[in-house]
Amino acid sequence: MTSANVVDSVAELVDIVASAGGELIGRTRLQKTAFLLLATGLGAEQFKFRYKHYGPYSESLASTSDMSKILGSLTEEQRPSTWGGTFSVFRTETAPQFEGSSPRVKLIKIAKAANPIDLELAATSAFLAFEGHSDPWKETAARKPDKASRIDSAKNLYAELMSVNTPKKLPSIV
């Protein structure tokens, strides 16, 4: 990655957190939000996604997160979770690049407010639809049987995400 790419990637990541009101909770939420921005043509073009356990995942986004912390444009606080692991809280003091009524900010705020499992399932289903699966919800349920009980609420979230006027539309899978 060139230094210009690093700068652009860091700026994009910081703006995602800034557009979320300066705080975004969870690495998985950050990954899914960036994926949805890419899928809808609202940004994150510098990040390439592949399928991983929690759905669409970008290694370059994860490394950009580390670089952003080194550069001081983003902080990440690790907190203990109720299930025994930890979760991340990302923060920035940087002002967002886009106004609050923009489709980009709307999508980020929907993702920020969403139940994290619903967001994971919705983003996974969108990713699988882009990959050509004929029934991405069924495939998502098969890959994540312990979370399949939340498919209906994930579909509701997906419909809300689809209601945002974006340059590229999410696949019609609801």
C-alpha atoms as a PDB file:
ATOM      1  CA  MET A   1       0.000   0.000   0.000  1.00  0.00           C
ATOM      2  CA  THR A   2       1.439   3.375  -0.984  1.00  0.00           C
ATOM      3  CA  SER A   3       1.586   6.264   1.464  1.00  0.00           C
ATOM      4  CA  ALA A   4      -1.183   8.027  -0.522  1.00  0.00           C
ATOM      5  CA  ASN A   5      -3.365   4.912  -0.191  1.00  0.00           C
ATOM      6  CA  VAL A   6      -2.670   4.771   3.545  1.00  0.00           C
ATOM      7  CA  VAL A   7      -3.643   8.431   3.940  1.00  0.00           C
ATOM      8  CA  ASP A   8      -6.862   7.903   1.933  1.00  0.00           C
ATOM      9  CA  SER A   9      -7.716   4.736   3.866  1.00  0.00           C
ATOM     10  CA  VAL A  10      -7.129   6.403   7.225  1.00  0.00           C
ATOM     11  CA  ALA A  11      -9.222   9.424   6.174  1.00  0.00           C
ATOM     12  CA  GLU A  12     -12.069   7.129   5.081  1.00  0.00           C
ATOM     13  CA  LEU A  13     -12.003   5.131   8.312  1.00  0.00           C
ATOM     14  CA  VAL A  14     -11.865   8.250  10.478  1.00  0.00           C
ATOM     15  CA  ASP A  15     -14.768   9.759   8.533  1.00  0.00           C
ATOM     16  CA  ILE A  16     -16.900   6.655   9.095  1.00  0.00           C
ATOM     17  CA  VAL A  17     -16.423   7.052  12.853  1.00  0.00           C
ATOM     18  CA  ALA A  18     -16.866  10.839  12.655  1.00  0.00           C
ATOM     19  CA  SER A  19     -20.105  10.419  10.685  1.00  0.00           C
ATOM     20  CA  ALA A  20     -21.347   8.063  13.393  1.00  0.00           C
ATOM     21  CA  GLY A  21     -21.170  10.972  15.821  1.00  0.00           C
ATOM     22  CA  GLY A  22     -17.517  10.484  16.729  1.00  0.00           C
ATOM     23  CA  GLU A  23     -17.976   7.026  18.239  1.00  0.00           C
ATOM     24  CA  LEU A  24     -18.598   3.569  16.813  1.00  0.00           C
ATOM     25  CA  ILE A  25     -18.771   0.453  18.951  1.00  0.00           C
ATOM     26  CA  GLY A  26     -17.387  -2.846  17.712  1.00  0.00           C
ATOM     27  CA  ARG A  27     -14.888  -4.066  15.148  1.00  0.00           C
ATOM     28  CA  THR A  28     -17.591  -6.152  13.479  1.00  0.00           C
ATOM     29  CA  ARG A  29     -19.883  -3.120  13.246  1.00  0.00           C
ATOM     30  CA  LEU A  30     -17.049  -1.107  11.698  1.00  0.00           C
ATOM     31  CA  GLN A  31     -16.395  -3.847   9.128  1.00  0.00           C
ATOM     32  CA  LYS A  32     -20.078  -4.219   8.190  1.00  0.00           C
ATOM     33  CA  THR A  33     -20.607  -0.454   7.976  1.00  0.00           C
ATOM     34  CA  ALA A  34     -17.648  -0.054   5.622  1.00  0.00           C
ATOM     35  CA  PHE A  35     -18.863  -2.976   3.518  1.00  0.00           C
ATOM     36  CA  LEU A  36     -22.330  -1.431   3.202  1.00  0.00           C
ATOM     37  CA  LEU A  37     -20.791   1.896   2.154  1.00  0.00           C
ATOM     38  CA  LEU A  38     -18.831   0.099  -0.552  1.00  0.00           C
ATOM     39  CA  ALA A  39     -21.848  -1.951  -1.659  1.00  0.00           C
ATOM     40  CA  THR A  40     -24.003   1.162  -2.037  1.00  0.00           C
ATOM     41  CA  GLY A  41     -21.407   3.335  -3.761  1.00  0.00           C
ATOM     42  CA  LEU A  42     -21.056   5.652  -0.775  1.00  0.00           C
ATOM     43  CA  GLY A  43     -17.366   5.118  -0.073  1.00  0.00           C
ATOM     44  CA  ALA A  44     -14.829   2.641   1.280  1.00  0.00           C
ATOM     45  CA  GLU A  45     -13.574   1.803  -2.241  1.00  0.00           C
ATOM     46  CA  GLN A  46     -10.059   1.310  -0.905  1.00  0.00           C
ATOM     47  CA  PHE A  47     -11.129  -1.698   1.157  1.00  0.00           C
ATOM     48  CA  LYS A  48     -11.483  -5.158  -0.406  1.00  0.00           C
ATOM     49  CA  PHE A  49     -13.824  -7.579   1.320  1.00  0.00           C
ATOM     50  CA  ARG A  50     -13.976 -11.366   1.488  1.00  0.00           C
ATOM     51  CA  TYR A  51     -16.165 -13.714   3.490  1.00  0.00           C
ATOM     52  CA  LYS A  52     -14.986 -14.577   6.974  1.00  0.00           C
ATOM     53  CA  HIS A  53     -16.736 -16.017  10.046  1.00  0.00           C
ATOM     54  CA  TYR A  54     -18.670 -12.818  10.830  1.00  0.00           C
ATOM     55  CA  GLY A  55     -19.482 -12.041   7.179  1.00  0.00           C
ATOM     56  CA  PRO A  56     -17.776  -9.528   4.889  1.00  0.00           C
ATOM     57  CA  TYR A  57     -14.311  -8.720   6.222  1.00  0.00           C
ATOM     58  CA  SER A  58     -11.491  -6.483   4.998  1.00  0.00           C
ATOM     59  CA  GLU A  59      -7.966  -7.147   6.206  1.00  0.00           C
ATOM     60  CA  SER A  60      -6.937  -3.737   4.846  1.00  0.00           C
ATOM     61  CA  LEU A  61      -9.635  -2.072   6.971  1.00  0.00           C
ATOM     62  CA  ALA A  62      -8.341  -3.890  10.056  1.00  0.00           C
ATOM     63  CA  SER A  63      -4.769  -2.766   9.366  1.00  0.00           C
ATOM     64  CA  THR A  64      -5.965   0.774   8.600  1.00  0.00           C
ATOM     65  CA  SER A  65      -7.605   0.801  12.025  1.00  0.00           C
ATOM     66  CA  ASP A  66      -4.228   0.051  13.573  1.00  0.00           C
ATOM     67  CA  MET A  67      -2.538   2.710  11.428  1.00  0.00           C
ATOM     68  CA  SER A  68      -5.197   5.294  12.404  1.00  0.00           C
ATOM     69  CA  LYS A  69      -4.439   4.694  16.066  1.00  0.00           C
ATOM     70  CA  ILE A  70      -0.705   5.105  15.464  1.00  0.00           C
ATOM     71  CA  LEU A  71      -1.310   8.371  13.613  1.00  0.00           C
ATOM     72  CA  GLY A  72      -3.502   9.611  16.456  1.00  0.00           C
ATOM     73  CA  SER A  73      -6.578  10.293  14.321  1.00  0.00           C
ATOM     74  CA  LEU A  74      -8.583   7.522  15.974  1.00  0.00           C
ATOM     75  CA  THR A  75      -8.632   5.925  19.388  1.00  0.00           C
ATOM     76  CA  GLU A  76      -9.712   2.395  20.206  1.00  0.00           C
ATOM     77  CA  GLU A  77     -10.632   1.420  23.728  1.00  0.00           C
ATOM     78  CA  GLN A  78     -10.984  -2.265  24.585  1.00  0.00           C
ATOM     79  CA  ARG A  79     -13.760  -2.994  27.072  1.00  0.00           C
ATOM     80  CA  PRO A  80     -14.774  -6.284  28.679  1.00  0.00           C
ATOM     81  CA  SER A  81     -17.987  -7.805  27.376  1.00  0.00           C
ATOM     82  CA  THR A  82     -20.646  -9.661  29.324  1.00  0.00           C
ATOM     83  CA  TRP A  83     -19.757 -12.912  27.521  1.00  0.00           C
ATOM     84  CA  GLY A  84     -16.121 -12.839  28.670  1.00  0.00           C
ATOM     85  CA  GLY A  85     -14.373 -11.366  25.626  1.00  0.00           C
ATOM     86  CA  THR A  86     -13.741  -7.736  24.770  1.00  0.00           C
ATOM     87  CA  PHE A  87     -15.197  -5.213  22.375  1.00  0.00           C
ATOM     88  CA  SER A  88     -13.769  -2.067  20.827  1.00  0.00           C
ATOM     89  CA  VAL A  89     -14.974   1.509  21.094  1.00  0.00           C
ATOM     90  CA  PHE A  90     -13.600   3.677  18.286  1.00  0.00           C
ATOM     91  CA  ARG A  91     -13.541   7.451  18.760  1.00  0.00           C
ATOM     92  CA  THR A  92     -12.398  10.500  16.833  1.00  0.00           C
ATOM     93  CA  GLU A  93     -12.531  14.236  17.377  1.00  0.00           C
ATOM     94  CA  THR A  94     -12.454  14.851  13.607  1.00  0.00           C
ATOM     95  CA  ALA A  95     -15.491  16.526  12.032  1.00  0.00           C
ATOM     96  CA  PRO A  96     -17.323  14.444   9.408  1.00  0.00           C
ATOM     97  CA  GLN A  97     -16.790  15.282   5.733  1.00  0.00           C
ATOM     98  CA  PHE A  98     -20.479  14.993   4.824  1.00  0.00           C
ATOM     99  CA  GLU A  99     -23.540  16.711   6.228  1.00  0.00           C
ATOM    100  CA  GLY A 100     -25.911  14.808   8.498  1.00  0.00           C
ATOM    101  CA  SER A 101     -28.676  14.509   5.907  1.00  0.00           C
ATOM    102  CA  SER A 102     -26.443  12.891   3.261  1.00  0.00           C
ATOM    103  CA  PRO A 103     -27.185   9.277   2.283  1.00  0.00           C
ATOM    104  CA  ARG A 104     -23.714   8.284   3.534  1.00  0.00           C
ATOM    105  CA  VAL A 105     -24.337   9.635   7.017  1.00  0.00           C
ATOM    106  CA  LYS A 106     -27.867   8.183   7.075  1.00  0.00           C
ATOM    107  CA  LEU A 107     -26.552   4.717   6.241  1.00  0.00           C
ATOM    108  CA  ILE A 108     -23.773   4.981   8.843  1.00  0.00           C
ATOM    109  CA  LYS A 109     -26.247   6.066  11.523  1.00  0.00           C
ATOM    110  CA  ILE A 110     -28.625   3.201  10.704  1.00  0.00           C
ATOM    111  CA  ALA A 111     -25.696   0.770  11.004  1.00  0.00           C
ATOM    112  CA  LYS A 112     -24.584   2.392  14.262  1.00  0.00           C
ATOM    113  CA  ALA A 113     -28.053   2.070  15.823  1.00  0.00           C
ATOM    114  CA  ALA A 114     -28.673  -1.481  14.581  1.00  0.00           C
ATOM    115  CA  ASN A 115     -28.537  -4.582  16.697  1.00  0.00           C
ATOM    116  CA  PRO A 116     -25.029  -5.928  15.984  1.00  0.00           C
ATOM    117  CA  ILE A 117     -26.249  -9.426  15.082  1.00  0.00           C
ATOM    118  CA  ASP A 118     -28.892  -8.015  12.733  1.00  0.00           C
ATOM    119  CA  LEU A 119     -26.223  -5.874  11.081  1.00  0.00           C
ATOM    120  CA  GLU A 120     -23.927  -8.884  10.706  1.00  0.00           C
ATOM    121  CA  LEU A 121     -26.708 -10.968   9.148  1.00  0.00           C
ATOM    122  CA  ALA A 122     -27.902  -8.193   6.824  1.00  0.00           C
ATOM    123  CA  ALA A 123     -24.380  -7.426   5.581  1.00  0.00           C
ATOM    124  CA  THR A 124     -23.625 -11.137   5.180  1.00  0.00           C
ATOM    125  CA  SER A 125     -26.780 -11.671   3.118  1.00  0.00           C
ATOM    126  CA  ALA A 126     -25.934  -8.700   0.897  1.00  0.00           C
ATOM    127  CA  PHE A 127     -22.388 -10.029   0.435  1.00  0.00           C
ATOM    128  CA  LEU A 128     -23.688 -13.497  -0.451  1.00  0.00           C
ATOM    129  CA  ALA A 129     -26.172 -11.966  -2.920  1.00  0.00           C
ATOM    130  CA  PHE A 130     -23.293 -10.157  -4.638  1.00  0.00           C
ATOM    131  CA  GLU A 131     -21.443 -13.482  -4.713  1.00  0.00           C
ATOM    132  CA  GLY A 132     -24.349 -15.007  -6.659  1.00  0.00           C
ATOM    133  CA  HIS A 133     -26.166 -17.091  -4.041  1.00  0.00           C
ATOM    134  CA  SER A 134     -29.768 -17.600  -5.139  1.00  0.00           C
ATOM    135  CA  ASP A 135     -31.156 -17.436  -1.589  1.00  0.00           C
ATOM    136  CA  PRO A 136     -28.687 -15.386   0.484  1.00  0.00           C
ATOM    137  CA  TRP A 137     -30.887 -15.351   3.601  1.00  0.00           C
ATOM    138  CA  LYS A 138     -31.101 -19.141   3.614  1.00  0.00           C
ATOM    139  CA  GLU A 139     -27.355 -19.390   3.038  1.00  0.00           C
ATOM    140  CA  THR A 140     -26.722 -16.894   5.856  1.00  0.00           C
ATOM    141  CA  ALA A 141     -28.914 -18.941   8.215  1.00  0.00           C
ATOM    142  CA  ALA A 142     -27.046 -22.106   7.228  1.00  0.00           C
ATOM    143  CA  ARG A 143     -23.660 -20.481   7.868  1.00  0.00           C
ATOM    144  CA  LYS A 144     -24.776 -18.895  11.146  1.00  0.00           C
ATOM    145  CA  PRO A 145     -27.280 -21.330  12.703  1.00  0.00           C
ATOM    146  CA  ASP A 146     -26.761 -19.912  16.201  1.00  0.00           C
ATOM    147  CA  LYS A 147     -27.968 -16.501  14.935  1.00  0.00           C
ATOM    148  CA  ALA A 148     -30.662 -17.662  12.486  1.00  0.00           C
ATOM    149  CA  SER A 149     -33.454 -16.767  14.916  1.00  0.00           C
ATOM    150  CA  ARG A 150     -32.667 -13.108  14.146  1.00  0.00           C
ATOM    151  CA  ILE A 151     -33.082 -13.386  10.346  1.00  0.00           C
ATOM    152  CA  ASP A 152     -36.498 -11.678  10.385  1.00  0.00           C
ATOM    153  CA  SER A 153     -35.197  -8.676  12.323  1.00  0.00           C
ATOM    154  CA  ALA A 154     -32.126  -8.593  10.033  1.00  0.00           C
ATOM    155  CA  LYS A 155     -34.493  -8.466   7.046  1.00  0.00           C
ATOM    156  CA  ASN A 156     -36.233  -5.465   8.639  1.00  0.00           C
ATOM    157  CA  LEU A 157     -32.871  -3.761   9.058  1.00  0.00           C
ATOM    158  CA  TYR A 158     -31.997  -4.593   5.459  1.00  0.00           C
ATOM    159  CA  ALA A 159     -35.235  -2.974   4.274  1.00  0.00           C
ATOM    160  CA  GLU A 160     -34.326   0.132   6.279  1.00  0.00           C
ATOM    161  CA  LEU A 161     -30.860   0.194   4.702  1.00  0.00           C
ATOM    162  CA  MET A 162     -32.451  -0.184   1.244  1.00  0.00           C
ATOM    163  CA  SER A 163     -34.673   2.845   1.926  1.00  0.00           C
ATOM    164  CA  VAL A 164     -31.618   5.147   1.855  1.00  0.00           C
ATOM    165  CA  ASN A 165     -31.239   6.820  -1.535  1.00  0.00           C
ATOM    166  CA  THR A 166     -27.810   5.489  -2.575  1.00  0.00           C
ATOM    167  CA  PRO A 167     -25.869   5.619  -5.873  1.00  0.00           C
ATOM    168  CA  LYS A 168     -25.904   1.800  -6.074  1.00  0.00           C
ATOM    169  CA  LYS A 169     -28.803  -0.197  -4.667  1.00  0.00           C
ATOM    170  CA  LEU A 170     -28.381  -3.175  -2.402  1.00  0.00           C
ATOM    171  CA  PRO A 171     -29.652  -6.421  -3.948  1.00  0.00           C
ATOM    172  CA  SER A 172     -33.434  -6.853  -3.609  1.00  0.00           C
ATOM    173  CA  ILE A 173     -33.431  -9.882  -1.306  1.00  0.00           C
ATOM    174  CA  VAL A 174     -35.945  -8.956   1.407  1.00  0.00           C
END
